Amino acid sequence: MRRKPPCRNDVWYLNEVASPSPGKKLWLWRAVDQDGYVLDEIVQNRRNTKAAKRLLTRPLKKQGLAPKRMITD
C-alpha cells in the first residue's frame, strides 16, 4: 500500500507512553496521521519540554506541510 502525499487537511495524533524496561523508565513518543501511518517515533529516557518540542518539529520537517490539526493526549 502506498502512502498518500501529505496535505493541509491531515490530522496528526501525538502520543507519549512510558515503556517498562528493567532498571530504567523509557518514554516512547509517537506522531501518527489520521490513516494510522507513523510519521515519527522517538524513544528517550527523559520527559521534558525539549523532548516534546522535538516530537513536534521532526515530523514537520519531514512532511514539509503543517497539518490542519495536531491532537495530543
Protein backbone atom coordinates (compact mmCIF):
# COMPACT_ATOMS: atom_id res chain seq x y z
CA MET A 1 0.00 0.00 0.00
CA ARG A 2 1.36 3.37 -0.96
CA ARG A 3 1.38 6.37 1.37
CA LYS A 4 -0.61 9.34 0.09
CA PRO A 5 1.27 12.63 -0.13
CA PRO A 6 0.84 15.00 2.83
CA CYS A 7 -1.85 17.65 2.54
CA ARG A 8 -3.15 20.54 4.62
CA ASN A 9 -6.26 18.61 5.73
CA ASP A 10 -4.26 15.96 7.60
CA VAL A 11 -4.80 15.38 11.31
CA TRP A 12 -1.86 14.23 13.43
CA TYR A 13 -2.12 12.42 16.75
CA LEU A 14 0.82 12.93 19.13
CA ASN A 15 1.19 10.43 21.94
CA GLU A 16 3.59 9.58 24.73
CA VAL A 17 3.79 6.25 26.54
CA ALA A 18 6.01 5.07 29.37
CA SER A 19 7.54 1.76 28.36
CA PRO A 20 8.58 -0.60 31.11
CA SER A 21 12.16 -1.71 30.92
CA PRO A 22 14.32 -3.33 33.57
CA GLY A 23 16.02 -0.71 35.71
CA LYS A 24 15.13 2.31 33.58
CA LYS A 25 11.96 4.13 32.57
CA LEU A 26 11.84 4.99 28.88
CA TRP A 27 9.35 7.19 27.06
CA LEU A 28 8.03 6.39 23.59
CA TRP A 29 6.87 9.48 21.70
CA ARG A 30 4.86 8.88 18.51
CA ALA A 31 3.28 11.00 15.80
CA VAL A 32 0.60 9.25 13.71
CA ASP A 33 -1.64 10.64 10.97
CA GLN A 34 -5.38 10.01 10.58
CA ASP A 35 -4.73 6.96 8.38
CA GLY A 36 -2.55 5.29 11.02
CA TYR A 37 0.73 5.99 9.22
CA VAL A 38 3.53 6.52 11.77
CA LEU A 39 5.22 9.83 10.99
CA ASP A 40 7.89 9.69 13.68
CA GLU A 41 8.90 7.76 16.79
CA ILE A 42 11.33 8.83 19.47
CA VAL A 43 12.48 6.76 22.47
CA GLN A 44 14.06 8.78 25.28
CA ASN A 45 14.84 8.42 28.95
CA ARG A 46 13.52 11.89 29.77
CA ARG A 47 10.12 13.51 29.58
CA ASN A 48 10.52 17.26 29.33
CA THR A 49 9.75 20.26 27.14
CA LYS A 50 12.73 19.69 24.85
CA ALA A 51 11.59 16.13 24.08
CA ALA A 52 8.04 17.31 23.35
CA LYS A 53 9.27 20.05 21.01
CA ARG A 54 11.41 17.52 19.17
CA LEU A 55 8.31 15.40 18.53
CA LEU A 56 6.57 18.44 17.07
CA THR A 57 9.40 19.68 14.86
CA ARG A 58 10.78 16.46 13.36
CA PRO A 59 7.60 15.38 11.51
CA LEU A 60 7.03 18.96 10.32
CA LYS A 61 10.46 18.97 8.69
CA LYS A 62 9.98 15.50 7.17
CA GLN A 63 6.48 16.13 5.79
CA GLY A 64 7.07 19.68 4.59
CA LEU A 65 3.48 20.73 5.33
CA ALA A 66 1.82 21.56 8.62
CA PRO A 67 -1.34 19.54 9.35
CA LYS A 68 -4.79 21.01 9.82
CA ARG A 69 -4.84 19.84 13.45
CA MET A 70 -2.49 18.23 15.96
CA ILE A 71 -4.19 16.28 18.73
CA THR A 72 -2.21 15.43 21.87
CA ASP A 73 -3.08 13.26 24.82
